[in-house]
Amino acid sequence: MTGNTYKKCLNRTPIPEQVQLELSEIGGLSVLCNCLPTDDKLQKICEQHHALSDPIRMKILFLFFRKYI
């Protein structure tokens, strides 16, 4: 994870006490943030989901994978 992403994680609103306790059990917020993909990887995932968000595109892909096209 990039340092920029980690800073974004830390600059959020205050974390409720119960959540802080549970985070401390797994090693803290830094451990949780280190589980996130890089910003570039997240961007690619978002682009893929956007491409699949249109019902017509999904119909075309469905037919393509079913070998009707």
PDB file of N, CA and C in Angstrom:
ATOM      1  N   MET A   1       0.853  -1.174   0.000  1.00  0.00           N
ATOM      2  CA  MET A   1       0.000   0.000   0.000  1.00  0.00           C
ATOM      3  C   MET A   1       0.892   1.228   0.000  1.00  0.00           C
ATOM      4  N   THR A   2       0.469   2.233  -0.737  1.00  0.00           N
ATOM      5  CA  THR A   2       1.249   3.460  -0.789  1.00  0.00           C
ATOM      6  C   THR A   2       1.066   4.253   0.494  1.00  0.00           C
ATOM      7  N   GLY A   3       2.029   5.103   0.784  1.00  0.00           N
ATOM      8  CA  GLY A   3       1.945   5.951   1.960  1.00  0.00           C
ATOM      9  C   GLY A   3       0.744   6.875   1.897  1.00  0.00           C
ATOM     10  N   ASN A   4       0.384   7.290   0.669  1.00  0.00           N
ATOM     11  CA  ASN A   4      -0.754   8.180   0.487  1.00  0.00           C
ATOM     12  C   ASN A   4      -2.052   7.497   0.915  1.00  0.00           C
ATOM     13  N   THR A   5      -2.215   6.237   0.559  1.00  0.00           N
ATOM     14  CA  THR A   5      -3.409   5.498   0.957  1.00  0.00           C
ATOM     15  C   THR A   5      -3.462   5.340   2.462  1.00  0.00           C
ATOM     16  N   TYR A   6      -2.323   5.060   3.070  1.00  0.00           N
ATOM     17  CA  TYR A   6      -2.281   4.905   4.527  1.00  0.00           C
ATOM     18  C   TYR A   6      -2.670   6.207   5.219  1.00  0.00           C
ATOM     19  N   LYS A   7      -2.183   7.331   4.690  1.00  0.00           N
ATOM     20  CA  LYS A   7      -2.531   8.632   5.267  1.00  0.00           C
ATOM     21  C   LYS A   7      -4.030   8.887   5.150  1.00  0.00           C
ATOM     22  N   LYS A   8      -4.615   8.482   4.025  1.00  0.00           N
ATOM     23  CA  LYS A   8      -6.055   8.646   3.850  1.00  0.00           C
ATOM     24  C   LYS A   8      -6.806   7.833   4.908  1.00  0.00           C
ATOM     25  N   CYS A   9      -6.315   6.637   5.208  1.00  0.00           N
ATOM     26  CA  CYS A   9      -6.943   5.802   6.237  1.00  0.00           C
ATOM     27  C   CYS A   9      -6.889   6.499   7.589  1.00  0.00           C
ATOM     28  N   LEU A  10      -5.788   7.134   7.886  1.00  0.00           N
ATOM     29  CA  LEU A  10      -5.611   7.757   9.187  1.00  0.00           C
ATOM     30  C   LEU A  10      -6.349   9.080   9.317  1.00  0.00           C
ATOM     31  N   ASN A  11      -6.687   9.713   8.200  1.00  0.00           N
ATOM     32  CA  ASN A  11      -7.320  11.029   8.235  1.00  0.00           C
ATOM     33  C   ASN A  11      -8.844  10.960   8.228  1.00  0.00           C
ATOM     34  N   ARG A  12      -9.398   9.843   8.584  1.00  0.00           N
ATOM     35  CA  ARG A  12     -10.851   9.685   8.638  1.00  0.00           C
ATOM     36  C   ARG A  12     -11.398  10.239   9.948  1.00  0.00           C
ATOM     37  N   THR A  13     -12.696  10.171  10.095  1.00  0.00           N
ATOM     38  CA  THR A  13     -13.332  10.608  11.335  1.00  0.00           C
ATOM     39  C   THR A  13     -12.884   9.706  12.482  1.00  0.00           C
ATOM     40  N   PRO A  14     -13.054  10.153  13.715  1.00  0.00           N
ATOM     41  CA  PRO A  14     -12.624   9.348  14.859  1.00  0.00           C
ATOM     42  C   PRO A  14     -13.260   7.950  14.845  1.00  0.00           C
ATOM     43  N   ILE A  15     -12.490   6.981  15.280  1.00  0.00           N
ATOM     44  CA  ILE A  15     -12.945   5.590  15.289  1.00  0.00           C
ATOM     45  C   ILE A  15     -13.638   5.313  16.619  1.00  0.00           C
ATOM     46  N   PRO A  16     -14.846   4.742  16.586  1.00  0.00           N
ATOM     47  CA  PRO A  16     -15.532   4.407  17.835  1.00  0.00           C
ATOM     48  C   PRO A  16     -14.704   3.458  18.702  1.00  0.00           C
ATOM     49  N   GLU A  17     -14.886   3.548  19.996  1.00  0.00           N
ATOM     50  CA  GLU A  17     -14.079   2.783  20.949  1.00  0.00           C
ATOM     51  C   GLU A  17     -14.148   1.276  20.693  1.00  0.00           C
ATOM     52  N   GLN A  18     -15.344   0.744  20.448  1.00  0.00           N
ATOM     53  CA  GLN A  18     -15.476  -0.698  20.214  1.00  0.00           C
ATOM     54  C   GLN A  18     -14.694  -1.132  18.983  1.00  0.00           C
ATOM     55  N   VAL A  19     -14.739  -0.306  17.946  1.00  0.00           N
ATOM     56  CA  VAL A  19     -13.996  -0.613  16.724  1.00  0.00           C
ATOM     57  C   VAL A  19     -12.494  -0.540  16.998  1.00  0.00           C
ATOM     58  N   GLN A  20     -12.059   0.449  17.783  1.00  0.00           N
ATOM     59  CA  GLN A  20     -10.641   0.556  18.140  1.00  0.00           C
ATOM     60  C   GLN A  20     -10.173  -0.694  18.884  1.00  0.00           C
ATOM     61  N   LEU A  21     -11.008  -1.205  19.775  1.00  0.00           N
ATOM     62  CA  LEU A  21     -10.648  -2.424  20.510  1.00  0.00           C
ATOM     63  C   LEU A  21     -10.483  -3.603  19.563  1.00  0.00           C
ATOM     64  N   GLU A  22     -11.413  -3.742  18.643  1.00  0.00           N
ATOM     65  CA  GLU A  22     -11.327  -4.845  17.689  1.00  0.00           C
ATOM     66  C   GLU A  22     -10.139  -4.675  16.745  1.00  0.00           C
ATOM     67  N   LEU A  23      -9.857  -3.445  16.349  1.00  0.00           N
ATOM     68  CA  LEU A  23      -8.678  -3.193  15.513  1.00  0.00           C
ATOM     69  C   LEU A  23      -7.395  -3.555  16.247  1.00  0.00           C
ATOM     70  N   SER A  24      -7.331  -3.224  17.532  1.00  0.00           N
ATOM     71  CA  SER A  24      -6.121  -3.529  18.294  1.00  0.00           C
ATOM     72  C   SER A  24      -5.908  -5.040  18.396  1.00  0.00           C
ATOM     73  N   GLU A  25      -6.992  -5.806  18.378  1.00  0.00           N
ATOM     74  CA  GLU A  25      -6.876  -7.268  18.432  1.00  0.00           C
ATOM     75  C   GLU A  25      -6.231  -7.848  17.177  1.00  0.00           C
ATOM     76  N   ILE A  26      -6.382  -7.156  16.048  1.00  0.00           N
ATOM     77  CA  ILE A  26      -5.775  -7.661  14.808  1.00  0.00           C
ATOM     78  C   ILE A  26      -4.466  -6.963  14.470  1.00  0.00           C
ATOM     79  N   GLY A  27      -4.033  -6.051  15.325  1.00  0.00           N
ATOM     80  CA  GLY A  27      -2.752  -5.390  15.098  1.00  0.00           C
ATOM     81  C   GLY A  27      -2.848  -3.913  14.797  1.00  0.00           C
ATOM     82  N   GLY A  28      -4.038  -3.363  14.797  1.00  0.00           N
ATOM     83  CA  GLY A  28      -4.191  -1.924  14.602  1.00  0.00           C
ATOM     84  C   GLY A  28      -4.608  -1.538  13.201  1.00  0.00           C
ATOM     85  N   LEU A  29      -4.848  -0.250  13.054  1.00  0.00           N
ATOM     86  CA  LEU A  29      -5.307   0.290  11.778  1.00  0.00           C
ATOM     87  C   LEU A  29      -4.271   0.108  10.673  1.00  0.00           C
ATOM     88  N   SER A  30      -3.000   0.185  11.017  1.00  0.00           N
ATOM     89  CA  SER A  30      -1.967   0.033   9.983  1.00  0.00           C
ATOM     90  C   SER A  30      -2.017  -1.355   9.360  1.00  0.00           C
ATOM     91  N   VAL A  31      -2.288  -2.390  10.173  1.00  0.00           N
ATOM     92  CA  VAL A  31      -2.399  -3.755   9.638  1.00  0.00           C
ATOM     93  C   VAL A  31      -3.603  -3.849   8.705  1.00  0.00           C
ATOM     94  N   LEU A  32      -4.708  -3.256   9.121  1.00  0.00           N
ATOM     95  CA  LEU A  32      -5.912  -3.266   8.294  1.00  0.00           C
ATOM     96  C   LEU A  32      -5.667  -2.536   6.980  1.00  0.00           C
ATOM     97  N   CYS A  33      -5.045  -1.364   7.048  1.00  0.00           N
ATOM     98  CA  CYS A  33      -4.762  -0.586   5.840  1.00  0.00           C
ATOM     99  C   CYS A  33      -3.789  -1.314   4.916  1.00  0.00           C
ATOM    100  N   ASN A  34      -2.866  -2.073   5.478  1.00  0.00           N
ATOM    101  CA  ASN A  34      -1.911  -2.814   4.655  1.00  0.00           C
ATOM    102  C   ASN A  34      -2.565  -3.958   3.893  1.00  0.00           C
ATOM    103  N   CYS A  35      -3.796  -4.315   4.263  1.00  0.00           N
ATOM    104  CA  CYS A  35      -4.534  -5.356   3.544  1.00  0.00           C
ATOM    105  C   CYS A  35      -5.168  -4.811   2.261  1.00  0.00           C
ATOM    106  N   LEU A  36      -5.230  -3.494   2.139  1.00  0.00           N
ATOM    107  CA  LEU A  36      -5.851  -2.879   0.968  1.00  0.00           C
ATOM    108  C   LEU A  36      -4.946  -2.976  -0.248  1.00  0.00           C
ATOM    109  N   PRO A  37      -5.544  -3.138  -1.437  1.00  0.00           N
ATOM    110  CA  PRO A  37      -4.739  -3.081  -2.657  1.00  0.00           C
ATOM    111  C   PRO A  37      -4.198  -1.666  -2.863  1.00  0.00           C
ATOM    112  N   THR A  38      -3.238  -1.535  -3.744  1.00  0.00           N
ATOM    113  CA  THR A  38      -2.686  -0.223  -4.067  1.00  0.00           C
ATOM    114  C   THR A  38      -3.757   0.632  -4.741  1.00  0.00           C
ATOM    115  N   ASP A  39      -3.537   1.930  -4.768  1.00  0.00           N
ATOM    116  CA  ASP A  39      -4.481   2.832  -5.429  1.00  0.00           C
ATOM    117  C   ASP A  39      -4.645   2.468  -6.904  1.00  0.00           C
ATOM    118  N   ASP A  40      -3.553   2.084  -7.575  1.00  0.00           N
ATOM    119  CA  ASP A  40      -3.630   1.702  -8.988  1.00  0.00           C
ATOM    120  C   ASP A  40      -4.495   0.457  -9.169  1.00  0.00           C
ATOM    121  N   LYS A  41      -4.308  -0.523  -8.302  1.00  0.00           N
ATOM    122  CA  LYS A  41      -5.096  -1.756  -8.375  1.00  0.00           C
ATOM    123  C   LYS A  41      -6.576  -1.459  -8.126  1.00  0.00           C
ATOM    124  N   LEU A  42      -6.863  -0.613  -7.140  1.00  0.00           N
ATOM    125  CA  LEU A  42      -8.251  -0.241  -6.869  1.00  0.00           C
ATOM    126  C   LEU A  42      -8.868   0.479  -8.064  1.00  0.00           C
ATOM    127  N   GLN A  43      -8.099   1.331  -8.727  1.00  0.00           N
ATOM    128  CA  GLN A  43      -8.583   2.031  -9.909  1.00  0.00           C
ATOM    129  C   GLN A  43      -8.948   1.032 -11.003  1.00  0.00           C
ATOM    130  N   LYS A  44      -8.112   0.026 -11.217  1.00  0.00           N
ATOM    131  CA  LYS A  44      -8.393  -0.990 -12.243  1.00  0.00           C
ATOM    132  C   LYS A  44      -9.647  -1.788 -11.896  1.00  0.00           C
ATOM    133  N   ILE A  45      -9.809  -2.114 -10.620  1.00  0.00           N
ATOM    134  CA  ILE A  45     -11.002  -2.842 -10.187  1.00  0.00           C
ATOM    135  C   ILE A  45     -12.251  -1.996 -10.436  1.00  0.00           C
ATOM    136  N   CYS A  46     -12.180  -0.707 -10.107  1.00  0.00           N
ATOM    137  CA  CYS A  46     -13.311   0.197 -10.335  1.00  0.00           C
ATOM    138  C   CYS A  46     -13.655   0.281 -11.816  1.00  0.00           C
ATOM    139  N   GLU A  47     -12.646   0.340 -12.653  1.00  0.00           N
ATOM    140  CA  GLU A  47     -12.882   0.411 -14.098  1.00  0.00           C
ATOM    141  C   GLU A  47     -13.559  -0.861 -14.598  1.00  0.00           C
ATOM    142  N   GLN A  48     -13.137  -2.014 -14.083  1.00  0.00           N
ATOM    143  CA  GLN A  48     -13.755  -3.278 -14.486  1.00  0.00           C
ATOM    144  C   GLN A  48     -15.223  -3.325 -14.065  1.00  0.00           C
ATOM    145  N   HIS A  49     -15.496  -2.896 -12.856  1.00  0.00           N
ATOM    146  CA  HIS A  49     -16.879  -2.916 -12.388  1.00  0.00           C
ATOM    147  C   HIS A  49     -17.736  -1.924 -13.165  1.00  0.00           C
ATOM    148  N   HIS A  50     -17.148  -0.801 -13.528  1.00  0.00           N
ATOM    149  CA  HIS A  50     -17.885   0.172 -14.327  1.00  0.00           C
ATOM    150  C   HIS A  50     -18.231  -0.424 -15.693  1.00  0.00           C
ATOM    151  N   ALA A  51     -17.282  -1.113 -16.288  1.00  0.00           N
ATOM    152  CA  ALA A  51     -17.515  -1.728 -17.591  1.00  0.00           C
ATOM    153  C   ALA A  51     -18.619  -2.780 -17.521  1.00  0.00           C
ATOM    154  N   LEU A  52     -18.786  -3.408 -16.375  1.00  0.00           N
ATOM    155  CA  LEU A  52     -19.800  -4.444 -16.216  1.00  0.00           C
ATOM    156  C   LEU A  52     -21.117  -3.913 -15.655  1.00  0.00           C
ATOM    157  N   SER A  53     -21.212  -2.608 -15.461  1.00  0.00           N
ATOM    158  CA  SER A  53     -22.390  -2.056 -14.805  1.00  0.00           C
ATOM    159  C   SER A  53     -23.561  -1.809 -15.753  1.00  0.00           C
ATOM    160  N   ASP A  54     -23.346  -1.906 -17.026  1.00  0.00           N
ATOM    161  CA  ASP A  54     -24.408  -1.650 -17.990  1.00  0.00           C
ATOM    162  C   ASP A  54     -25.101  -2.962 -18.368  1.00  0.00           C
ATOM    163  N   PRO A  55     -26.420  -3.047 -18.253  1.00  0.00           N
ATOM    164  CA  PRO A  55     -27.131  -4.296 -18.562  1.00  0.00           C
ATOM    165  C   PRO A  55     -26.929  -4.776 -20.000  1.00  0.00           C
ATOM    166  N   ILE A  56     -26.824  -3.857 -20.948  1.00  0.00           N
ATOM    167  CA  ILE A  56     -26.619  -4.278 -22.341  1.00  0.00           C
ATOM    168  C   ILE A  56     -25.250  -4.930 -22.500  1.00  0.00           C
ATOM    169  N   ARG A  57     -24.232  -4.343 -21.876  1.00  0.00           N
ATOM    170  CA  ARG A  57     -22.896  -4.955 -21.923  1.00  0.00           C
ATOM    171  C   ARG A  57     -22.919  -6.346 -21.313  1.00  0.00           C
ATOM    172  N   MET A  58     -23.646  -6.479 -20.209  1.00  0.00           N
ATOM    173  CA  MET A  58     -23.721  -7.783 -19.550  1.00  0.00           C
ATOM    174  C   MET A  58     -24.428  -8.808 -20.427  1.00  0.00           C
ATOM    175  N   LYS A  59     -25.459  -8.394 -21.152  1.00  0.00           N
ATOM    176  CA  LYS A  59     -26.147  -9.308 -22.069  1.00  0.00           C
ATOM    177  C   LYS A  59     -25.205  -9.767 -23.168  1.00  0.00           C
ATOM    178  N   ILE A  60     -24.434  -8.831 -23.713  1.00  0.00           N
ATOM    179  CA  ILE A  60     -23.476  -9.174 -24.768  1.00  0.00           C
ATOM    180  C   ILE A  60     -22.432 -10.147 -24.233  1.00  0.00           C
ATOM    181  N   LEU A  61     -21.900  -9.859 -23.054  1.00  0.00           N
ATOM    182  CA  LEU A  61     -20.914 -10.768 -22.468  1.00  0.00           C
ATOM    183  C   LEU A  61     -21.514 -12.137 -22.176  1.00  0.00           C
ATOM    184  N   PHE A  62     -22.735 -12.137 -21.668  1.00  0.00           N
ATOM    185  CA  PHE A  62     -23.395 -13.409 -21.387  1.00  0.00           C
ATOM    186  C   PHE A  62     -23.516 -14.238 -22.663  1.00  0.00           C
ATOM    187  N   LEU A  63     -23.975 -13.615 -23.727  1.00  0.00           N
ATOM    188  CA  LEU A  63     -24.108 -14.324 -24.997  1.00  0.00           C
ATOM    189  C   LEU A  63     -22.756 -14.761 -25.549  1.00  0.00           C
ATOM    190  N   PHE A  64     -21.759 -13.905 -25.386  1.00  0.00           N
ATOM    191  CA  PHE A  64     -20.411 -14.244 -25.863  1.00  0.00           C
ATOM    192  C   PHE A  64     -19.896 -15.498 -25.144  1.00  0.00           C
ATOM    193  N   PHE A  65     -20.041 -15.511 -23.828  1.00  0.00           N
ATOM    194  CA  PHE A  65     -19.543 -16.649 -23.068  1.00  0.00           C
ATOM    195  C   PHE A  65     -20.384 -17.906 -23.297  1.00  0.00           C
ATOM    196  N   ARG A  66     -21.628 -17.731 -23.694  1.00  0.00           N
ATOM    197  CA  ARG A  66     -22.471 -18.872 -24.014  1.00  0.00           C
ATOM    198  C   ARG A  66     -22.306 -19.292 -25.470  1.00  0.00           C
ATOM    199  N   LYS A  67     -21.438 -18.563 -26.200  1.00  0.00           N
ATOM    200  CA  LYS A  67     -21.078 -18.849 -27.599  1.00  0.00           C
ATOM    201  C   LYS A  67     -22.255 -18.687 -28.557  1.00  0.00           C
ATOM    202  N   TYR A  68     -23.128 -17.729 -28.263  1.00  0.00           N
ATOM    203  CA  TYR A  68     -24.217 -17.432 -29.181  1.00  0.00           C
ATOM    204  C   TYR A  68     -23.851 -16.319 -30.143  1.00  0.00           C
ATOM    205  N   ILE A  69     -22.703 -15.712 -29.942  1.00  0.00           N
ATOM    206  CA  ILE A  69     -22.284 -14.636 -30.861  1.00  0.00           C
ATOM    207  C   ILE A  69     -21.130 -15.154 -31.690  1.00  0.00           C
TER     208      ILE A  69
END
